[in-house]
Amino acid sequence: MVLVDGHAQRSCELPVASVVGKLITTIEGLGQPDRLHPLQQAMIEQQAGQCGYCLSGIIMTAAELIGQSAEPSRQRIVEVLSRAPNLCRCGAHARIVKAIETAWKNVAQGAVR
């Protein structure tokens, strides 16, 4: 999962020609090792990652949500994650949602995206 001009998209389904001239952000591009994106930091703090199989896709989906919405809402997070193609099979959903809520609130309070 990557962000294409701020929208989460499955990179495995994107022909290179379709993204020419667009801003592409990978999970590695969200933050820097010494300055993590609020989502990356919250995932670590909440110990939201279990196996990591789905996590990059969930984080990129959440990054789009945070980038487009000003008001943190658990209901909105759950709604968006339920439609996304990334499903946590480890049962870490509660921690993942909590981490996204935390990151969203931090961004809303002025943390750098």
C-alpha atoms as a PDB file:
ATOM      1  CA  MET A   1       0.000   0.000   0.000  1.00  0.00           C
ATOM      2  CA  VAL A   2       1.272   3.455  -0.923  1.00  0.00           C
ATOM      3  CA  LEU A   3      -0.169   6.947  -0.952  1.00  0.00           C
ATOM      4  CA  VAL A   4      -0.664   8.365  -4.447  1.00  0.00           C
ATOM      5  CA  ASP A   5      -1.270  12.085  -4.128  1.00  0.00           C
ATOM      6  CA  GLY A   6      -2.469  11.394  -0.583  1.00  0.00           C
ATOM      7  CA  HIS A   7      -4.780   8.476  -1.425  1.00  0.00           C
ATOM      8  CA  ALA A   8      -4.031   4.927  -0.262  1.00  0.00           C
ATOM      9  CA  GLN A   9      -3.696   2.530  -3.171  1.00  0.00           C
ATOM     10  CA  ARG A  10      -2.447  -1.015  -3.553  1.00  0.00           C
ATOM     11  CA  SER A  11       0.961  -0.753  -5.162  1.00  0.00           C
ATOM     12  CA  CYS A  12       0.654  -4.250  -6.624  1.00  0.00           C
ATOM     13  CA  GLU A  13      -2.255  -3.058  -8.774  1.00  0.00           C
ATOM     14  CA  LEU A  14      -0.706   0.194 -10.040  1.00  0.00           C
ATOM     15  CA  PRO A  15       0.884   0.305 -13.460  1.00  0.00           C
ATOM     16  CA  VAL A  16       3.891   2.621 -13.297  1.00  0.00           C
ATOM     17  CA  ALA A  17       2.480   4.698 -16.171  1.00  0.00           C
ATOM     18  CA  SER A  18      -0.595   5.531 -14.072  1.00  0.00           C
ATOM     19  CA  VAL A  19       1.445   7.354 -11.427  1.00  0.00           C
ATOM     20  CA  VAL A  20       3.775   9.414 -13.598  1.00  0.00           C
ATOM     21  CA  GLY A  21       3.955  12.942 -12.207  1.00  0.00           C
ATOM     22  CA  LYS A  22       2.143  12.005  -8.992  1.00  0.00           C
ATOM     23  CA  LEU A  23       3.481  12.156  -5.448  1.00  0.00           C
ATOM     24  CA  ILE A  24       4.132   8.622  -4.186  1.00  0.00           C
ATOM     25  CA  THR A  25       4.682   7.998  -0.471  1.00  0.00           C
ATOM     26  CA  THR A  26       5.688   4.599   0.861  1.00  0.00           C
ATOM     27  CA  ILE A  27       5.525   3.621   4.511  1.00  0.00           C
ATOM     28  CA  GLU A  28       9.244   4.389   4.710  1.00  0.00           C
ATOM     29  CA  GLY A  29       8.546   7.884   3.406  1.00  0.00           C
ATOM     30  CA  LEU A  30       6.010   8.774   6.113  1.00  0.00           C
ATOM     31  CA  GLY A  31       8.679   9.675   8.634  1.00  0.00           C
ATOM     32  CA  GLN A  32      12.394   9.566   9.314  1.00  0.00           C
ATOM     33  CA  PRO A  33      14.204   7.250  11.748  1.00  0.00           C
ATOM     34  CA  ASP A  34      14.857  10.178  14.076  1.00  0.00           C
ATOM     35  CA  ARG A  35      11.400  11.739  13.547  1.00  0.00           C
ATOM     36  CA  LEU A  36       8.674   9.179  13.017  1.00  0.00           C
ATOM     37  CA  HIS A  37       5.276  10.032  11.573  1.00  0.00           C
ATOM     38  CA  PRO A  38       2.675  10.208  14.374  1.00  0.00           C
ATOM     39  CA  LEU A  39       1.117   6.967  13.072  1.00  0.00           C
ATOM     40  CA  GLN A  40       4.435   5.122  13.196  1.00  0.00           C
ATOM     41  CA  GLN A  41       5.118   6.446  16.696  1.00  0.00           C
ATOM     42  CA  ALA A  42       1.623   5.564  17.958  1.00  0.00           C
ATOM     43  CA  MET A  43       1.836   2.041  16.519  1.00  0.00           C
ATOM     44  CA  ILE A  44       5.059   1.501  18.470  1.00  0.00           C
ATOM     45  CA  GLU A  45       3.718   3.066  21.672  1.00  0.00           C
ATOM     46  CA  GLN A  46       0.475   1.051  21.546  1.00  0.00           C
ATOM     47  CA  GLN A  47       2.362  -2.126  20.562  1.00  0.00           C
ATOM     48  CA  ALA A  48      -0.180  -2.385  17.767  1.00  0.00           C
ATOM     49  CA  GLY A  49       1.867  -4.629  15.523  1.00  0.00           C
ATOM     50  CA  GLN A  50       1.633  -8.337  16.067  1.00  0.00           C
ATOM     51  CA  CYS A  51       3.047 -10.154  13.051  1.00  0.00           C
ATOM     52  CA  GLY A  52       3.353  -7.115  10.775  1.00  0.00           C
ATOM     53  CA  TYR A  53       1.809  -8.773   7.703  1.00  0.00           C
ATOM     54  CA  CYS A  54      -1.017  -6.243   7.372  1.00  0.00           C
ATOM     55  CA  LEU A  55       0.482  -3.314   9.231  1.00  0.00           C
ATOM     56  CA  SER A  56       2.013  -1.285   6.413  1.00  0.00           C
ATOM     57  CA  GLY A  57      -1.269  -1.360   4.487  1.00  0.00           C
ATOM     58  CA  ILE A  58      -3.247  -0.387   7.571  1.00  0.00           C
ATOM     59  CA  ILE A  59      -0.847   2.454   8.375  1.00  0.00           C
ATOM     60  CA  MET A  60      -1.023   3.833   4.834  1.00  0.00           C
ATOM     61  CA  THR A  61      -4.838   3.588   4.847  1.00  0.00           C
ATOM     62  CA  ALA A  62      -4.863   5.432   8.171  1.00  0.00           C
ATOM     63  CA  ALA A  63      -2.437   8.049   6.820  1.00  0.00           C
ATOM     64  CA  GLU A  64      -4.912   8.838   4.041  1.00  0.00           C
ATOM     65  CA  LEU A  65      -7.751   9.069   6.560  1.00  0.00           C
ATOM     66  CA  ILE A  66      -5.790  11.386   8.845  1.00  0.00           C
ATOM     67  CA  GLY A  67      -4.719  13.509   5.893  1.00  0.00           C
ATOM     68  CA  GLN A  68      -8.304  14.039   4.766  1.00  0.00           C
ATOM     69  CA  SER A  69     -10.211  14.392   8.028  1.00  0.00           C
ATOM     70  CA  ALA A  70      -9.895  16.900  10.834  1.00  0.00           C
ATOM     71  CA  GLU A  71     -11.987  15.198  13.508  1.00  0.00           C
ATOM     72  CA  PRO A  72     -10.787  11.971  15.123  1.00  0.00           C
ATOM     73  CA  SER A  73     -13.570   9.414  15.311  1.00  0.00           C
ATOM     74  CA  ARG A  74     -13.306   5.780  16.385  1.00  0.00           C
ATOM     75  CA  GLN A  75     -16.383   5.012  14.292  1.00  0.00           C
ATOM     76  CA  ARG A  76     -14.768   6.505  11.167  1.00  0.00           C
ATOM     77  CA  ILE A  77     -11.522   4.584  11.768  1.00  0.00           C
ATOM     78  CA  VAL A  78     -13.371   1.280  12.135  1.00  0.00           C
ATOM     79  CA  GLU A  79     -15.507   2.046   9.073  1.00  0.00           C
ATOM     80  CA  VAL A  80     -12.492   2.826   6.871  1.00  0.00           C
ATOM     81  CA  LEU A  81     -10.472  -0.159   8.103  1.00  0.00           C
ATOM     82  CA  SER A  82     -13.403  -2.507   7.512  1.00  0.00           C
ATOM     83  CA  ARG A  83     -13.530  -1.453   3.844  1.00  0.00           C
ATOM     84  CA  ALA A  84      -9.776  -1.622   3.325  1.00  0.00           C
ATOM     85  CA  PRO A  85      -8.171  -4.716   1.843  1.00  0.00           C
ATOM     86  CA  ASN A  86      -5.934  -5.114   4.923  1.00  0.00           C
ATOM     87  CA  LEU A  87      -7.198  -7.408   7.636  1.00  0.00           C
ATOM     88  CA  CYS A  88      -5.353  -8.080  10.879  1.00  0.00           C
ATOM     89  CA  ARG A  89      -5.538 -11.809  11.426  1.00  0.00           C
ATOM     90  CA  CYS A  90      -3.652 -11.676  14.736  1.00  0.00           C
ATOM     91  CA  GLY A  91      -6.414 -10.007  16.706  1.00  0.00           C
ATOM     92  CA  ALA A  92      -4.542  -6.739  17.266  1.00  0.00           C
ATOM     93  CA  HIS A  93      -7.383  -4.598  15.873  1.00  0.00           C
ATOM     94  CA  ALA A  94      -8.185  -2.921  19.203  1.00  0.00           C
ATOM     95  CA  ARG A  95      -4.555  -1.786  19.598  1.00  0.00           C
ATOM     96  CA  ILE A  96      -4.395  -0.714  15.952  1.00  0.00           C
ATOM     97  CA  VAL A  97      -7.552   1.410  16.271  1.00  0.00           C
ATOM     98  CA  LYS A  98      -6.249   2.926  19.529  1.00  0.00           C
ATOM     99  CA  ALA A  99      -2.929   3.781  17.848  1.00  0.00           C
ATOM    100  CA  ILE A 100      -4.714   5.443  14.912  1.00  0.00           C
ATOM    101  CA  GLU A 101      -6.894   7.439  17.320  1.00  0.00           C
ATOM    102  CA  THR A 102      -3.788   8.558  19.211  1.00  0.00           C
ATOM    103  CA  ALA A 103      -1.958   9.561  16.032  1.00  0.00           C
ATOM    104  CA  TRP A 104      -5.018  11.374  14.667  1.00  0.00           C
ATOM    105  CA  LYS A 105      -5.364  13.391  17.884  1.00  0.00           C
ATOM    106  CA  ASN A 106      -1.644  14.229  17.840  1.00  0.00           C
ATOM    107  CA  VAL A 107      -1.870  15.439  14.245  1.00  0.00           C
ATOM    108  CA  ALA A 108      -5.024  17.437  15.022  1.00  0.00           C
ATOM    109  CA  GLN A 109      -3.184  19.085  17.907  1.00  0.00           C
ATOM    110  CA  GLY A 110      -0.414  20.249  15.601  1.00  0.00           C
ATOM    111  CA  ALA A 111       2.045  17.376  15.308  1.00  0.00           C
ATOM    112  CA  VAL A 112       3.834  17.353  11.943  1.00  0.00           C
ATOM    113  CA  ARG A 113       2.503  14.936   9.320  1.00  0.00           C
END
